[in-house]
């Protein structure tokens, strides 16, 4: 069952990766320049910073209550949390648009008309995405992996088609925002059909209160973590300009693509990790699937280390080759997320929302200060190291809290060995030429195949999926 759910969650990611590498990235690289992606990244940084405030811990509420409720009350929880998140989102985003309109005349010397309208479009797209943020986690807990995959796939196709057509028609950076809005509309429409089948009206006051209690600690962390992308982009734009920001943001595209594998995995095991946190009993299937997932991310890490520059140069016609040097380092974010997953699930189940949010606040502030200081001394690598350090320190703080509560991840030794080997590979790039890197990567693949018996594992996965 693990592999079936994982395949369902992974299928939209595979579509994203396939179409992304074969179609979308080359098309966008052909029609857009680094400065266009810099503008898009900057506007989205502002938009995501604002929309992040609309989430008041719905995931924590669902994690701590879902296993204790019957289906009717789960439906009431879903509808109530969705209404609450939409209300908060509407208030925040409307307030931002009103403030921008009030001070627009004073800001005209700093921002263009295009920038203003792009920002409004991004805020609308972010608001329309709020239902999916709530419904998606409910579907993960309910193990509705097929429906989840259908919604993600349909939304991705709508966004890709709209942005591609509008790029062809000459809309440049506007095309990306048209794709964002239409994808959010498609995703939101499908969410309404899902809610009609699985939601229930009732007990709204109780769930509003629960979201306020458990979500209140999330307000400061959402503010800090929400403005992180904006501050990151402000540092880069101020220090290096929009063109460098475009290259940097382009490298994050590949990070987000690689992160899809982690997201698919975490969705497939969230329910079972919560059961593990509740009972303390580790199922053999969960243990097996975690080890196989570590093997897969090890292969991806080797491919990222050895081939990222060649692939990016080819699919972007050489326009974004400079961004390739950042991609292997971004893969550490994926590895740290695998490491921290059991700890954050435990703390969510035990209603330790205050600690989770404190770890986000402290780590984000430290990482952003580090990013700014390092940008003065080591250039564009400074923001990258600062952002990666945020993910590392969040994991370390959650791990420390979980260990104090008597919990140690049963998968820690495996993932730490992978992280250690990958860091050694990263540092070796200064001493090895391209051919030597290929040889080391080939040797690492052979070792992995021997350790995990990959061929046999893939046969088992194929057999499970076909059942």
Protein backbone atom coordinates (compact mmCIF):
# COMPACT_ATOMS: atom_id res chain seq x y z
CA UNK A 1 0.00 0.00 0.00
CA UNK A 2 2.88 2.38 0.72
CA UNK A 3 4.19 2.04 -2.82
CA UNK A 4 0.73 2.48 -4.34
CA UNK A 5 0.18 5.72 -2.41
CA UNK A 6 3.71 6.86 -3.16
CA UNK A 7 3.22 6.22 -6.88
CA UNK A 8 -0.06 8.17 -6.83
CA UNK A 9 1.58 11.12 -5.11
CA UNK A 10 4.66 10.86 -7.31
CA UNK A 11 2.82 10.75 -10.64
CA UNK A 12 2.11 14.54 -10.76
CA UNK A 13 5.74 15.14 -9.76
CA UNK A 14 6.94 12.92 -12.61
CA UNK A 15 4.70 14.86 -14.99
CA UNK A 16 6.12 18.12 -13.63
CA UNK A 17 9.67 16.89 -14.02
CA UNK A 18 9.12 15.38 -17.47
CA UNK A 19 7.26 18.32 -18.99
CA UNK A 20 9.45 20.75 -17.07
CA UNK A 21 12.73 19.47 -18.47
CA UNK A 22 11.46 18.59 -21.94
CA UNK A 23 9.03 21.45 -22.63
CA UNK A 24 8.47 24.19 -20.03
CA UNK A 25 12.03 25.10 -19.02
CA UNK A 26 13.30 25.26 -22.64
CA UNK A 27 10.25 27.33 -23.72
CA UNK A 28 10.61 29.75 -20.82
CA UNK A 29 14.36 29.99 -21.36
CA UNK A 30 13.71 30.80 -25.03
CA UNK A 31 11.13 33.54 -24.41
CA UNK A 32 12.39 34.95 -21.09
CA UNK A 33 15.65 36.46 -19.91
CA UNK A 34 17.23 36.30 -16.44
CA UNK A 35 15.85 39.76 -15.63
CA UNK A 36 12.29 38.55 -16.40
CA UNK A 37 12.68 35.69 -13.94
CA UNK A 38 14.16 38.16 -11.47
CA UNK A 39 10.99 40.29 -11.68
CA UNK A 40 8.76 37.22 -11.36
CA UNK A 41 10.74 35.95 -8.38
CA UNK A 42 10.65 39.33 -6.63
CA UNK A 43 6.89 39.79 -7.09
CA UNK A 44 6.16 36.21 -5.94
CA UNK A 45 8.38 36.79 -2.92
CA UNK A 46 6.12 39.67 -1.84
CA UNK A 47 2.94 37.72 -2.61
CA UNK A 48 3.97 34.55 -0.79
CA UNK A 49 5.11 36.60 2.20
CA UNK A 50 1.60 38.00 2.56
CA UNK A 51 -0.34 34.81 1.80
CA UNK A 52 1.75 32.84 4.32
CA UNK A 53 0.06 34.81 7.10
CA UNK A 54 -3.31 33.32 6.16
CA UNK A 55 -2.35 29.86 7.44
CA UNK A 56 -2.97 29.62 11.16
CA UNK A 57 -1.80 26.07 11.75
CA UNK A 58 -4.54 24.05 10.03
CA UNK A 59 -2.09 21.22 9.43
CA UNK A 60 -1.22 21.06 13.13
CA UNK A 61 -4.92 21.04 14.07
CA UNK A 62 -5.58 18.17 11.66
CA UNK A 63 -2.48 16.22 12.74
CA UNK A 64 -3.43 16.39 16.41
CA UNK A 65 -7.16 15.56 15.98
CA UNK A 66 -7.66 13.49 12.82
CA UNK A 67 -7.02 10.01 14.31
CA UNK A 68 -9.40 10.72 17.21
CA UNK A 69 -12.45 11.66 15.11
CA UNK A 70 -15.12 9.81 13.15
CA UNK A 71 -15.72 10.59 9.49
CA UNK A 72 -18.55 13.05 10.13
CA UNK A 73 -16.51 15.16 12.54
CA UNK A 74 -13.53 15.00 10.20
CA UNK A 75 -15.72 16.51 7.49
CA UNK A 76 -16.80 19.28 9.85
CA UNK A 77 -13.18 19.94 10.76
CA UNK A 78 -12.24 20.20 7.08
CA UNK A 79 -14.97 22.70 6.17
CA UNK A 80 -14.44 24.81 9.31
CA UNK A 81 -10.67 25.05 8.89
CA UNK A 82 -11.08 25.88 5.21
CA UNK A 83 -13.54 28.70 5.97
CA UNK A 84 -11.25 30.05 8.67
CA UNK A 85 -8.17 30.03 6.42
CA UNK A 86 -10.10 31.67 3.57
CA UNK A 87 -11.41 34.38 5.89
CA UNK A 88 -7.95 35.20 7.25
CA UNK A 89 -6.48 35.11 3.74
CA UNK A 90 -9.15 37.44 2.37
CA UNK A 91 -8.60 39.96 5.18
CA UNK A 92 -4.80 39.98 4.80
CA UNK A 93 -4.61 40.11 1.01
CA UNK A 94 -7.40 42.71 0.75
CA UNK A 95 -5.59 44.83 3.34
CA UNK A 96 -2.36 44.66 1.34
CA UNK A 97 -4.10 45.69 -1.90
CA UNK A 98 -5.86 48.59 -0.14
CA UNK A 99 -2.57 49.81 1.41
CA UNK A 100 -0.77 49.62 -1.94
CA UNK A 101 -3.59 51.61 -3.59
CA UNK A 102 -3.52 54.27 -0.87
CA UNK A 103 0.22 54.84 -1.20
CA UNK A 104 0.47 54.09 -4.91
CA UNK A 105 1.00 57.72 -5.94
CA UNK A 106 3.95 58.05 -3.53
CA UNK A 107 5.44 54.75 -4.73
CA UNK A 108 5.20 55.45 -8.46
CA UNK A 109 8.78 56.68 -8.62
CA UNK A 110 9.91 53.31 -7.22
CA UNK A 111 7.53 50.86 -8.93
CA UNK A 112 6.06 50.75 -12.44
CA UNK A 113 2.44 50.18 -13.41
CA UNK A 114 3.40 46.69 -14.59
CA UNK A 115 4.90 45.84 -11.21
CA UNK A 116 1.72 46.95 -9.42
CA UNK A 117 -0.58 44.88 -11.62
CA UNK A 118 1.73 41.86 -11.48
CA UNK A 119 1.66 42.08 -7.68
CA UNK A 120 -2.16 42.19 -7.65
CA UNK A 121 -2.29 39.16 -9.96
CA UNK A 122 0.14 37.27 -7.71
CA UNK A 123 -1.92 38.09 -4.60
CA UNK A 124 -5.11 36.91 -6.30
CA UNK A 125 -3.37 33.69 -7.35
CA UNK A 126 -2.14 33.14 -3.79
CA UNK A 127 -5.65 33.66 -2.39
CA UNK A 128 -7.15 31.20 -4.86
CA UNK A 129 -4.54 28.63 -3.77
CA UNK A 130 -5.61 28.71 -0.10
CA UNK A 131 -8.35 26.01 -0.41
CA UNK A 132 -5.83 23.55 -1.82
CA UNK A 133 -3.42 24.13 1.07
CA UNK A 134 -6.11 23.00 3.53
CA UNK A 135 -7.78 20.28 1.47
CA UNK A 136 -4.47 18.76 0.38
CA UNK A 137 -3.36 17.90 3.92
CA UNK A 138 -6.78 16.43 4.73
CA UNK A 139 -6.51 14.20 1.66
CA UNK A 140 -3.05 13.07 2.76
CA UNK A 141 -4.34 12.03 6.20
CA UNK A 142 -7.33 10.30 4.59
CA UNK A 143 -5.01 8.58 2.08
CA UNK A 144 -6.99 9.85 -0.89
CA UNK A 145 -3.85 9.69 -2.99
CA UNK A 146 -5.60 9.17 -6.35
CA UNK A 147 -7.82 12.22 -5.97
CA UNK A 148 -4.82 14.20 -4.75
CA UNK A 149 -2.85 13.20 -7.85
CA UNK A 150 -5.74 14.06 -10.19
CA UNK A 151 -6.13 17.58 -8.76
CA UNK A 152 -2.39 18.30 -8.88
CA UNK A 153 -2.08 16.95 -12.40
CA UNK A 154 -5.05 18.89 -13.79
CA UNK A 155 -3.86 22.13 -12.16
CA UNK A 156 -0.33 21.68 -13.49
CA UNK A 157 -1.57 21.02 -17.04
CA UNK A 158 -3.85 24.09 -16.96
CA UNK A 159 -1.05 26.33 -15.69
CA UNK A 160 1.48 24.93 -18.19
CA UNK A 161 -0.86 25.30 -21.19
CA UNK A 162 -1.97 28.84 -20.29
CA UNK A 163 1.56 30.10 -19.58
CA UNK A 164 2.94 28.48 -22.76
CA UNK A 165 0.22 29.96 -25.00
CA UNK A 166 0.60 33.43 -23.49
CA UNK A 167 4.38 33.24 -23.80
CA UNK A 168 3.96 32.42 -27.48
CA UNK A 169 1.62 35.40 -27.85
CA UNK A 170 4.35 37.68 -26.49
CA UNK A 171 3.18 38.35 -22.94
CA UNK A 172 6.67 37.65 -21.50
CA UNK A 173 6.67 37.64 -17.66
CA UNK A 174 2.89 38.25 -17.56
CA UNK A 175 2.43 34.74 -18.96
CA UNK A 176 3.75 33.17 -15.75
CA UNK A 177 1.13 35.00 -13.68
CA UNK A 178 -1.68 34.05 -16.06
CA UNK A 179 -0.60 30.43 -15.65
CA UNK A 180 -0.56 30.83 -11.86
CA UNK A 181 -4.10 32.24 -11.69
CA UNK A 182 -5.70 29.72 -14.07
CA UNK A 183 -3.98 26.80 -12.30
CA UNK A 184 -5.30 28.07 -8.95
CA UNK A 185 -8.82 28.41 -10.37
CA UNK A 186 -8.74 24.83 -11.70
CA UNK A 187 -7.35 23.49 -8.44
CA UNK A 188 -9.90 25.41 -6.36
CA UNK A 189 -12.82 24.20 -8.48
CA UNK A 190 -11.81 20.56 -8.01
CA UNK A 191 -11.40 21.20 -4.27
CA UNK A 192 -15.03 22.32 -4.11
CA UNK A 193 -16.17 19.02 -5.64
CA UNK A 194 -14.06 17.12 -3.10
CA UNK A 195 -15.47 19.14 -0.19
CA UNK A 196 -19.01 18.48 -1.43
CA UNK A 197 -18.35 14.72 -1.13
CA UNK A 198 -16.31 14.71 2.09
CA UNK A 199 -17.15 17.89 3.99
CA UNK A 200 -19.82 18.61 6.59
CA UNK A 201 -21.12 21.88 7.97
CA UNK A 202 -21.26 22.03 11.74
CA UNK A 203 -19.29 22.64 14.92
CA UNK A 204 -17.69 25.66 13.24
CA UNK A 205 -17.14 27.62 16.45
CA UNK A 206 -15.22 24.74 18.03
CA UNK A 207 -12.87 24.31 15.08
CA UNK A 208 -12.40 28.06 14.73
CA UNK A 209 -11.38 28.05 18.39
CA UNK A 210 -9.04 25.09 17.92
CA UNK A 211 -7.41 26.77 14.94
CA UNK A 212 -6.97 29.94 16.97
CA UNK A 213 -5.45 28.10 19.97
CA UNK A 214 -3.06 25.88 18.03
CA UNK A 215 -2.61 28.42 15.28
CA UNK A 216 -1.82 31.43 17.48
CA UNK A 217 1.80 30.32 17.99
CA UNK A 218 2.05 30.02 14.22
CA UNK A 219 1.40 33.73 13.62
CA UNK A 220 4.96 34.95 14.44
CA UNK A 221 6.58 32.02 12.64
CA UNK A 222 4.35 32.48 9.58
CA UNK A 223 5.29 36.15 9.51
CA UNK A 224 9.01 35.39 9.78
CA UNK A 225 9.01 32.39 7.46
CA UNK A 226 6.64 34.16 5.08
CA UNK A 227 8.90 37.18 4.60
CA UNK A 228 11.95 34.93 4.20
CA UNK A 229 11.65 34.68 0.38
CA UNK A 230 11.14 38.45 0.15
CA UNK A 231 14.16 39.31 2.32
CA UNK A 232 16.25 36.72 0.47
CA UNK A 233 15.37 38.34 -2.85
CA UNK A 234 15.86 41.87 -1.50
CA UNK A 235 19.39 40.94 -0.39
CA UNK A 236 20.24 39.51 -3.81
CA UNK A 237 18.59 42.32 -5.78
CA UNK A 238 20.28 44.99 -3.64
CA UNK A 239 23.71 43.37 -3.77
CA UNK A 240 23.81 41.85 -7.26
CA UNK A 241 20.85 43.10 -9.37
CA UNK A 242 17.78 41.56 -11.04
CA UNK A 243 19.75 39.54 -13.60
CA UNK A 244 21.67 37.64 -10.91
CA UNK A 245 18.41 37.24 -8.99
CA UNK A 246 16.96 35.66 -12.14
CA UNK A 247 19.82 33.14 -12.34
CA UNK A 248 19.54 32.39 -8.63
CA UNK A 249 15.75 31.94 -8.91
CA UNK A 250 16.19 29.71 -11.95
CA UNK A 251 18.40 27.39 -9.87
CA UNK A 252 15.57 27.24 -7.30
CA UNK A 253 13.32 25.87 -10.06
CA UNK A 254 15.43 22.70 -10.08
CA UNK A 255 15.43 22.62 -6.29
CA UNK A 256 11.62 22.70 -6.35
CA UNK A 257 11.53 19.93 -8.96
CA UNK A 258 13.83 17.73 -6.85
CA UNK A 259 11.79 18.56 -3.77
CA UNK A 260 8.77 16.94 -5.43
CA UNK A 261 10.21 13.51 -4.59
CA UNK A 262 10.34 14.39 -0.91
CA UNK A 263 6.85 15.89 -0.94
CA UNK A 264 5.43 12.77 -2.61
CA UNK A 265 7.13 10.56 -0.06
CA UNK A 266 6.03 12.63 2.95
CA UNK A 267 2.42 12.60 1.75
CA UNK A 268 2.44 8.81 1.40
CA UNK A 269 3.77 8.17 4.92
CA UNK A 270 2.26 11.02 6.96
CA UNK A 271 -0.70 8.95 8.19
CA UNK A 272 1.53 6.00 9.13
CA UNK A 273 4.11 8.20 10.84
CA UNK A 274 1.34 9.65 12.99
CA UNK A 275 0.26 6.09 13.88
CA UNK A 276 3.87 5.30 14.76
CA UNK A 277 3.99 8.39 17.00
CA UNK A 278 0.73 7.28 18.65
CA UNK A 279 1.53 3.59 19.22
CA UNK A 280 5.34 3.57 19.26
CA UNK A 281 5.21 0.50 17.00
CA UNK A 282 7.26 0.71 13.80
CA UNK A 283 5.66 -1.21 10.95
CA UNK A 284 8.06 -3.19 8.77
CA UNK A 285 6.48 -1.73 5.62
CA UNK A 286 7.17 1.81 6.85
CA UNK A 287 10.76 0.91 7.68
CA UNK A 288 11.25 -0.68 4.26
CA UNK A 289 9.72 2.19 2.30
CA UNK A 290 11.84 4.76 4.18
CA UNK A 291 15.03 2.87 3.33
CA UNK A 292 14.03 2.56 -0.33
CA UNK A 293 13.24 6.27 -0.43
CA UNK A 294 16.70 7.05 0.98
CA UNK A 295 18.19 4.90 -1.79
CA UNK A 296 16.22 6.84 -4.43
CA UNK A 297 17.27 10.26 -3.09
CA UNK A 298 20.86 9.03 -3.01
CA UNK A 299 20.68 8.28 -6.75
CA UNK A 300 19.09 11.66 -7.42
CA UNK A 301 21.81 13.37 -5.41
CA UNK A 302 24.53 11.69 -7.47
CA UNK A 303 22.78 12.68 -10.72
CA UNK A 304 22.39 16.24 -9.46
CA UNK A 305 26.07 16.38 -8.51
CA UNK A 306 27.38 14.98 -11.80
CA UNK A 307 24.97 16.17 -14.50
CA UNK A 308 23.28 19.43 -13.46
CA UNK A 309 25.56 21.75 -15.45
CA UNK A 310 25.36 19.70 -18.66
CA UNK A 311 21.57 19.34 -18.49
CA UNK A 312 20.87 23.00 -17.65
CA UNK A 313 23.18 24.25 -20.41
CA UNK A 314 21.41 22.03 -22.94
CA UNK A 315 17.77 22.76 -22.04
CA UNK A 316 18.24 26.54 -21.56
CA UNK A 317 20.36 27.12 -24.68
CA UNK A 318 23.22 28.30 -22.47
CA UNK A 319 21.27 31.35 -21.17
CA UNK A 320 21.08 30.03 -17.59
CA UNK A 321 24.26 27.92 -17.37
CA UNK A 322 25.52 30.10 -14.51
CA UNK A 323 22.63 28.92 -12.34
CA UNK A 324 23.84 25.29 -12.56
CA UNK A 325 26.56 25.81 -9.95
CA UNK A 326 23.92 26.36 -7.24
CA UNK A 327 21.80 23.27 -7.96
CA UNK A 328 23.90 20.57 -6.20
CA UNK A 329 23.96 22.66 -3.01
CA UNK A 330 20.17 23.09 -3.11
CA UNK A 331 19.80 19.30 -2.91
CA UNK A 332 20.82 19.53 0.74
CA UNK A 333 17.36 21.01 1.41
CA UNK A 334 15.80 17.74 0.20
CA UNK A 335 18.13 15.65 2.37
CA UNK A 336 17.50 17.77 5.48
CA UNK A 337 13.74 17.46 4.92
CA UNK A 338 13.98 13.65 4.88
CA UNK A 339 16.00 13.80 8.09
CA UNK A 340 13.52 16.05 9.90
CA UNK A 341 10.23 14.48 8.77
CA UNK A 342 9.75 12.00 11.68
CA UNK A 343 10.53 14.70 14.25
CA UNK A 344 8.08 17.27 12.94
CA UNK A 345 5.33 14.62 12.71
CA UNK A 346 5.92 13.61 16.33
CA UNK A 347 5.84 17.20 17.58
CA UNK A 348 2.68 17.90 15.54
CA UNK A 349 0.95 14.84 16.98
CA UNK A 350 1.89 15.89 20.54
CA UNK A 351 0.57 19.43 19.91
CA UNK A 352 4.01 20.98 20.28
CA UNK A 353 3.09 23.75 17.87
CA UNK A 354 4.80 26.36 20.04
CA UNK A 355 8.18 24.63 19.75
CA UNK A 356 7.77 24.01 16.00
CA UNK A 357 7.12 27.69 15.46
CA UNK A 358 9.92 28.84 17.77
CA UNK A 359 12.34 26.67 15.78
CA UNK A 360 11.15 28.33 12.55
CA UNK A 361 11.49 31.84 13.99
CA UNK A 362 14.99 31.42 15.47
CA UNK A 363 16.34 29.47 12.48
CA UNK A 364 14.93 31.91 9.92
CA UNK A 365 16.26 35.01 11.68
CA UNK A 366 19.70 33.40 12.07
CA UNK A 367 19.75 32.20 8.44
CA UNK A 368 18.73 35.57 6.98
CA UNK A 369 21.31 37.47 9.04
CA UNK A 370 23.92 34.92 7.97
CA UNK A 371 22.83 35.30 4.33
CA UNK A 372 23.27 39.08 4.47
CA UNK A 373 26.68 38.96 6.19
CA UNK A 374 28.05 36.25 3.90
CA UNK A 375 26.79 38.08 0.80
CA UNK A 376 29.22 40.89 1.68
CA UNK A 377 32.20 38.53 1.76
CA UNK A 378 31.57 35.57 -0.56
CA UNK A 379 29.07 37.01 -3.02
CA UNK A 380 25.99 35.17 -4.26
CA UNK A 381 26.92 32.02 -2.32
CA UNK A 382 26.13 33.88 0.90
CA UNK A 383 22.31 33.93 0.51
CA UNK A 384 22.34 30.31 -0.65
CA UNK A 385 24.30 29.12 2.41
CA UNK A 386 22.07 31.21 4.69
CA UNK A 387 18.85 29.74 3.28
CA UNK A 388 20.18 26.16 3.48
CA UNK A 389 21.23 26.76 7.10
CA UNK A 390 17.61 27.66 7.95
CA UNK A 391 16.46 24.16 6.97
CA UNK A 392 19.35 22.55 8.87
CA UNK A 393 18.73 24.44 12.13
CA UNK A 394 14.97 23.77 12.04
CA UNK A 395 15.73 20.04 11.88
CA UNK A 396 18.32 20.26 14.68
CA UNK A 397 15.98 22.15 17.02
CA UNK A 398 13.05 19.79 16.40
CA UNK A 399 15.35 16.79 16.81
CA UNK A 400 16.67 18.12 20.13
CA UNK A 401 13.12 18.59 21.45
CA UNK A 402 12.03 15.13 20.31
CA UNK A 403 15.06 13.46 21.92
CA UNK A 404 14.26 15.24 25.20
CA UNK A 405 10.81 13.64 24.96
CA UNK A 406 12.41 10.21 24.49
CA UNK A 407 12.06 9.87 20.72
CA UNK A 408 14.84 9.15 18.23
CA UNK A 409 14.12 8.64 14.55
CA UNK A 410 14.65 4.98 13.59
CA UNK A 411 15.90 6.17 10.19
CA UNK A 412 18.53 8.58 11.45
CA UNK A 413 21.66 6.52 10.79
CA UNK A 414 20.73 5.90 7.16
CA UNK A 415 19.92 9.50 6.26
CA UNK A 416 22.90 10.97 8.13
CA UNK A 417 25.26 8.67 6.25
CA UNK A 418 23.78 9.91 2.95
CA UNK A 419 24.08 13.57 4.01
CA UNK A 420 27.71 13.08 5.08
CA UNK A 421 28.68 11.43 1.80
CA UNK A 422 26.90 14.10 -0.23
CA UNK A 423 28.63 16.95 1.60
CA UNK A 424 31.99 15.28 0.89
CA UNK A 425 31.02 15.07 -2.80
CA UNK A 426 30.13 18.77 -2.85
CA UNK A 427 33.46 19.83 -1.40
CA UNK A 428 35.33 17.55 -3.78
CA UNK A 429 34.26 19.64 -6.80
CA UNK A 430 37.05 22.13 -6.06
CA UNK A 431 39.69 19.41 -6.45
CA UNK A 432 38.29 17.21 -9.24
CA UNK A 433 37.80 17.77 -12.94
CA UNK A 434 34.60 16.75 -14.75
CA UNK A 435 35.85 13.29 -15.75
CA UNK A 436 36.92 12.46 -12.19
CA UNK A 437 33.51 13.55 -10.92
CA UNK A 438 31.83 11.17 -13.39
CA UNK A 439 34.06 8.28 -12.20
CA UNK A 440 33.29 8.97 -8.53
CA UNK A 441 29.57 9.21 -9.31
CA UNK A 442 29.66 5.88 -11.16
CA UNK A 443 31.41 4.25 -8.22
CA UNK A 444 28.82 5.64 -5.80
CA UNK A 445 26.01 4.21 -7.95
CA UNK A 446 27.61 0.75 -7.92
CA UNK A 447 27.95 0.89 -4.13
CA UNK A 448 24.32 1.94 -3.75
CA UNK A 449 23.09 -0.87 -5.98
CA UNK A 450 25.02 -3.37 -3.89
CA UNK A 451 23.81 -1.93 -0.58
CA UNK A 452 20.10 -1.67 -1.38
CA UNK A 453 19.73 -4.42 -4.01
CA UNK A 454 17.99 -1.88 -6.24
CA UNK A 455 16.87 -4.24 -9.00
CA UNK A 456 14.98 -6.47 -6.59
CA UNK A 457 13.42 -3.46 -4.86
CA UNK A 458 12.15 -2.01 -8.13
CA UNK A 459 10.56 -5.35 -9.05
CA UNK A 460 8.75 -5.37 -5.69
CA UNK A 461 7.56 -1.79 -6.22
CA UNK A 462 6.29 -2.60 -9.72
CA UNK A 463 4.43 -5.66 -8.43
CA UNK A 464 2.84 -3.68 -5.57
CA UNK A 465 1.73 -0.82 -7.81
CA UNK A 466 0.09 -3.22 -10.28
CA UNK A 467 -2.05 -4.83 -7.58
